[in-house]
């Protein structure tokens, strides 16, 4: 079995939820339901560095959001977004 097949079948290492707090900075909070505390904290620091001063309507947000998504994929973390919009499931 190749390393790629092993990675694809490995259970997630944790779960994180990125929550939009509103128009006043800090705009974001990163919560976790489960996972290694060190992995989650390192991910949180990187995500916050990318998102800290960006509200969801900022043009830079979309690019940085994709970077956060790729980071979560590399770390094998489940990722949810809560942008405070009931119709937004976090996938757009």
N, C-alpha and C. Protein backbone atom coordinates (compact mmCIF):
# COMPACT_ATOMS: atom_id res chain seq x y z
N UNK A 1 0.86 -1.19 0.00
CA UNK A 1 0.00 0.00 0.00
C UNK A 1 0.89 1.24 0.00
N UNK A 2 0.59 2.18 -0.91
CA UNK A 2 1.40 3.38 -1.01
C UNK A 2 1.09 4.34 0.14
N UNK A 3 1.98 5.31 0.35
CA UNK A 3 1.78 6.32 1.38
C UNK A 3 0.53 7.13 1.09
N UNK A 4 0.27 7.44 -0.20
CA UNK A 4 -0.91 8.22 -0.55
C UNK A 4 -2.19 7.47 -0.19
N UNK A 5 -2.25 6.17 -0.46
CA UNK A 5 -3.42 5.39 -0.11
C UNK A 5 -3.62 5.36 1.40
N UNK A 6 -2.54 5.25 2.15
CA UNK A 6 -2.61 5.25 3.60
C UNK A 6 -3.16 6.58 4.10
N UNK A 7 -2.67 7.69 3.54
CA UNK A 7 -3.13 9.02 3.95
C UNK A 7 -4.61 9.20 3.66
N UNK A 8 -5.08 8.73 2.50
CA UNK A 8 -6.47 8.91 2.12
C UNK A 8 -7.41 8.14 3.04
N UNK A 9 -6.95 7.04 3.58
CA UNK A 9 -7.79 6.20 4.42
C UNK A 9 -7.62 6.48 5.91
N UNK A 10 -6.66 7.29 6.25
CA UNK A 10 -6.41 7.59 7.66
C UNK A 10 -7.58 8.39 8.24
N UNK A 11 -7.97 8.08 9.47
CA UNK A 11 -9.03 8.88 10.09
C UNK A 11 -8.54 10.31 10.32
N UNK A 12 -9.45 11.27 10.37
CA UNK A 12 -9.03 12.65 10.60
C UNK A 12 -8.28 12.80 11.92
N UNK A 13 -7.31 13.70 11.92
CA UNK A 13 -6.51 13.93 13.13
C UNK A 13 -7.21 14.87 14.09
N UNK A 14 -8.28 15.51 13.65
CA UNK A 14 -8.99 16.44 14.51
C UNK A 14 -10.07 17.16 13.75
N UNK A 15 -10.75 18.06 14.44
CA UNK A 15 -11.81 18.85 13.85
C UNK A 15 -11.65 20.29 14.29
N UNK A 16 -11.80 21.22 13.34
CA UNK A 16 -11.75 22.64 13.66
C UNK A 16 -12.94 23.34 13.01
N UNK A 17 -13.41 24.37 13.68
CA UNK A 17 -14.49 25.21 13.16
C UNK A 17 -14.00 26.65 13.21
N UNK A 18 -14.03 27.31 12.05
CA UNK A 18 -13.63 28.71 11.97
C UNK A 18 -14.92 29.53 12.03
N UNK A 19 -15.01 30.39 13.05
CA UNK A 19 -16.24 31.14 13.33
C UNK A 19 -16.00 32.63 13.12
N UNK A 20 -16.87 33.24 12.31
CA UNK A 20 -16.83 34.69 12.10
C UNK A 20 -17.53 35.36 13.28
N UNK A 21 -16.82 36.27 13.97
CA UNK A 21 -17.34 36.91 15.17
C UNK A 21 -18.05 38.23 14.91
N UNK A 22 -17.84 38.82 13.74
CA UNK A 22 -18.50 40.07 13.43
C UNK A 22 -17.55 41.10 12.86
N UNK A 23 -18.08 42.31 12.64
CA UNK A 23 -17.32 43.33 11.93
C UNK A 23 -16.18 43.97 12.72
N UNK A 24 -16.11 43.77 14.00
CA UNK A 24 -15.04 44.38 14.80
C UNK A 24 -13.95 43.34 15.05
N UNK A 25 -12.70 43.70 14.78
CA UNK A 25 -11.58 42.77 14.96
C UNK A 25 -11.42 42.45 16.45
N UNK A 26 -11.04 41.24 16.84
CA UNK A 26 -10.74 40.15 15.92
C UNK A 26 -12.02 39.60 15.29
N UNK A 27 -11.92 39.29 14.01
CA UNK A 27 -13.09 38.82 13.27
C UNK A 27 -13.35 37.33 13.43
N UNK A 28 -12.36 36.58 13.89
CA UNK A 28 -12.43 35.12 13.81
C UNK A 28 -12.08 34.45 15.13
N UNK A 29 -12.62 33.25 15.28
CA UNK A 29 -12.27 32.35 16.39
C UNK A 29 -12.16 30.96 15.78
N UNK A 30 -11.21 30.17 16.24
CA UNK A 30 -11.04 28.80 15.77
C UNK A 30 -11.31 27.88 16.96
N UNK A 31 -12.37 27.06 16.82
CA UNK A 31 -12.75 26.09 17.85
C UNK A 31 -12.37 24.70 17.39
N UNK A 32 -12.28 23.78 18.35
CA UNK A 32 -11.98 22.39 18.02
C UNK A 32 -12.83 21.46 18.86
N UNK A 33 -13.38 20.43 18.22
CA UNK A 33 -14.15 19.41 18.93
C UNK A 33 -13.28 18.26 19.42
N UNK A 34 -12.27 17.91 18.61
CA UNK A 34 -11.37 16.83 19.02
C UNK A 34 -10.08 16.95 18.23
N UNK A 35 -9.05 16.30 18.73
CA UNK A 35 -7.76 16.26 18.04
C UNK A 35 -6.62 16.58 18.99
N UNK A 36 -5.42 16.29 18.52
CA UNK A 36 -4.22 16.56 19.28
C UNK A 36 -4.10 18.07 19.51
N UNK A 37 -3.95 18.45 20.73
CA UNK A 37 -3.94 19.86 21.11
C UNK A 37 -2.84 20.64 20.38
N UNK A 38 -1.68 20.04 20.23
CA UNK A 38 -0.57 20.71 19.56
C UNK A 38 -0.87 20.94 18.09
N UNK A 39 -1.40 19.93 17.40
CA UNK A 39 -1.74 20.05 15.98
C UNK A 39 -2.80 21.13 15.80
N UNK A 40 -3.83 21.12 16.64
CA UNK A 40 -4.92 22.09 16.56
C UNK A 40 -4.40 23.50 16.82
N UNK A 41 -3.57 23.66 17.83
CA UNK A 41 -3.05 24.99 18.16
C UNK A 41 -2.17 25.55 17.05
N UNK A 42 -1.32 24.71 16.46
CA UNK A 42 -0.48 25.16 15.36
C UNK A 42 -1.33 25.56 14.16
N UNK A 43 -2.38 24.77 13.86
CA UNK A 43 -3.29 25.12 12.78
C UNK A 43 -4.00 26.43 13.09
N UNK A 44 -4.47 26.58 14.33
CA UNK A 44 -5.18 27.80 14.73
C UNK A 44 -4.30 29.03 14.52
N UNK A 45 -3.04 28.94 14.89
CA UNK A 45 -2.12 30.07 14.72
C UNK A 45 -1.96 30.44 13.25
N UNK A 46 -1.81 29.43 12.39
CA UNK A 46 -1.65 29.71 10.96
C UNK A 46 -2.93 30.29 10.37
N UNK A 47 -4.08 29.72 10.74
CA UNK A 47 -5.37 30.22 10.23
C UNK A 47 -5.60 31.65 10.68
N UNK A 48 -5.34 31.95 11.93
CA UNK A 48 -5.55 33.30 12.45
C UNK A 48 -4.62 34.30 11.77
N UNK A 49 -3.41 33.89 11.46
CA UNK A 49 -2.48 34.77 10.76
C UNK A 49 -3.02 35.13 9.38
N UNK A 50 -3.72 34.19 8.75
CA UNK A 50 -4.27 34.43 7.41
C UNK A 50 -5.57 35.22 7.44
N UNK A 51 -6.34 35.10 8.52
CA UNK A 51 -7.69 35.66 8.55
C UNK A 51 -7.88 36.85 9.48
N UNK A 52 -6.96 37.09 10.38
CA UNK A 52 -7.15 38.00 11.50
C UNK A 52 -7.83 39.32 11.14
N UNK A 53 -7.36 40.01 10.15
CA UNK A 53 -7.89 41.33 9.83
C UNK A 53 -8.83 41.32 8.63
N UNK A 54 -9.28 40.14 8.21
CA UNK A 54 -10.11 40.04 7.01
C UNK A 54 -11.54 39.64 7.33
N UNK A 55 -12.50 40.53 7.13
CA UNK A 55 -13.89 40.11 7.22
C UNK A 55 -14.25 39.31 5.95
N UNK A 56 -15.33 38.52 5.98
CA UNK A 56 -15.67 37.67 4.83
C UNK A 56 -15.93 38.42 3.53
N UNK A 57 -16.30 39.68 3.59
CA UNK A 57 -16.57 40.43 2.35
C UNK A 57 -15.32 41.04 1.73
N UNK A 58 -14.18 40.94 2.39
CA UNK A 58 -12.92 41.47 1.86
C UNK A 58 -12.46 40.60 0.69
N UNK A 59 -12.04 41.20 -0.42
CA UNK A 59 -11.59 40.40 -1.58
C UNK A 59 -10.45 39.43 -1.25
N UNK A 60 -9.59 39.78 -0.32
CA UNK A 60 -8.47 38.90 0.06
C UNK A 60 -8.96 37.66 0.82
N UNK A 61 -10.15 37.74 1.41
CA UNK A 61 -10.65 36.63 2.23
C UNK A 61 -10.75 35.34 1.44
N UNK A 62 -11.29 35.39 0.24
CA UNK A 62 -11.48 34.17 -0.56
C UNK A 62 -10.15 33.45 -0.79
N UNK A 63 -9.12 34.19 -1.15
CA UNK A 63 -7.80 33.60 -1.39
C UNK A 63 -7.24 32.99 -0.10
N UNK A 64 -7.34 33.72 1.01
CA UNK A 64 -6.80 33.21 2.26
C UNK A 64 -7.63 32.05 2.79
N UNK A 65 -8.94 32.07 2.55
CA UNK A 65 -9.79 30.95 2.96
C UNK A 65 -9.34 29.67 2.26
N UNK A 66 -9.03 29.76 0.97
CA UNK A 66 -8.55 28.58 0.25
C UNK A 66 -7.23 28.07 0.83
N UNK A 67 -6.38 28.97 1.28
CA UNK A 67 -5.13 28.55 1.93
C UNK A 67 -5.40 27.82 3.24
N UNK A 68 -6.38 28.29 4.00
CA UNK A 68 -6.75 27.63 5.25
C UNK A 68 -7.31 26.24 4.94
N UNK A 69 -8.14 26.13 3.90
CA UNK A 69 -8.71 24.84 3.51
C UNK A 69 -7.60 23.86 3.12
N UNK A 70 -6.65 24.30 2.32
CA UNK A 70 -5.54 23.41 1.92
C UNK A 70 -4.70 23.01 3.13
N UNK A 71 -4.49 23.93 4.07
CA UNK A 71 -3.73 23.63 5.29
C UNK A 71 -4.45 22.54 6.07
N UNK A 72 -5.76 22.65 6.22
CA UNK A 72 -6.53 21.64 6.94
C UNK A 72 -6.43 20.29 6.24
N UNK A 73 -6.49 20.29 4.91
CA UNK A 73 -6.35 19.04 4.16
C UNK A 73 -4.99 18.40 4.39
N UNK A 74 -3.93 19.22 4.35
CA UNK A 74 -2.57 18.70 4.59
C UNK A 74 -2.46 18.09 5.99
N UNK A 75 -3.09 18.71 6.97
CA UNK A 75 -3.01 18.23 8.35
C UNK A 75 -4.03 17.12 8.64
N UNK A 76 -4.87 16.80 7.63
CA UNK A 76 -5.93 15.80 7.78
C UNK A 76 -6.89 16.18 8.91
N UNK A 77 -7.35 17.44 8.86
CA UNK A 77 -8.31 17.95 9.84
C UNK A 77 -9.65 18.16 9.16
N UNK A 78 -10.72 17.83 9.85
CA UNK A 78 -12.06 18.18 9.38
C UNK A 78 -12.23 19.68 9.62
N UNK A 79 -12.77 20.39 8.65
CA UNK A 79 -12.88 21.84 8.73
C UNK A 79 -14.29 22.29 8.43
N UNK A 80 -14.85 23.09 9.33
CA UNK A 80 -16.16 23.71 9.13
C UNK A 80 -15.98 25.22 9.23
N UNK A 81 -16.86 25.94 8.53
CA UNK A 81 -16.88 27.40 8.58
C UNK A 81 -18.23 27.85 9.09
N UNK A 82 -18.24 28.81 9.99
CA UNK A 82 -19.47 29.44 10.45
C UNK A 82 -19.32 30.94 10.19
N UNK A 83 -19.92 31.37 9.08
CA UNK A 83 -19.80 32.78 8.69
C UNK A 83 -20.96 33.61 9.22
N UNK A 84 -21.81 32.99 10.05
CA UNK A 84 -22.92 33.72 10.63
C UNK A 84 -24.10 33.90 9.70
N UNK A 85 -24.08 33.22 8.57
CA UNK A 85 -25.18 33.30 7.61
C UNK A 85 -25.91 31.96 7.58
N UNK A 86 -27.20 31.91 7.88
CA UNK A 86 -27.90 30.63 7.95
C UNK A 86 -27.85 29.83 6.66
N UNK A 87 -27.87 30.51 5.50
CA UNK A 87 -27.87 29.78 4.25
C UNK A 87 -26.48 29.39 3.79
N UNK A 88 -25.44 29.86 4.46
CA UNK A 88 -24.06 29.57 4.06
C UNK A 88 -23.58 28.32 4.78
N UNK A 89 -23.30 27.27 3.99
CA UNK A 89 -22.80 26.03 4.58
C UNK A 89 -21.28 25.98 4.64
N UNK A 90 -20.63 27.08 4.24
CA UNK A 90 -19.18 27.15 4.34
C UNK A 90 -18.45 26.57 3.16
N UNK A 91 -19.17 26.15 2.10
CA UNK A 91 -18.50 25.52 0.98
C UNK A 91 -18.31 26.45 -0.21
N UNK A 92 -18.89 27.64 -0.17
CA UNK A 92 -18.76 28.53 -1.33
C UNK A 92 -17.52 29.37 -1.25
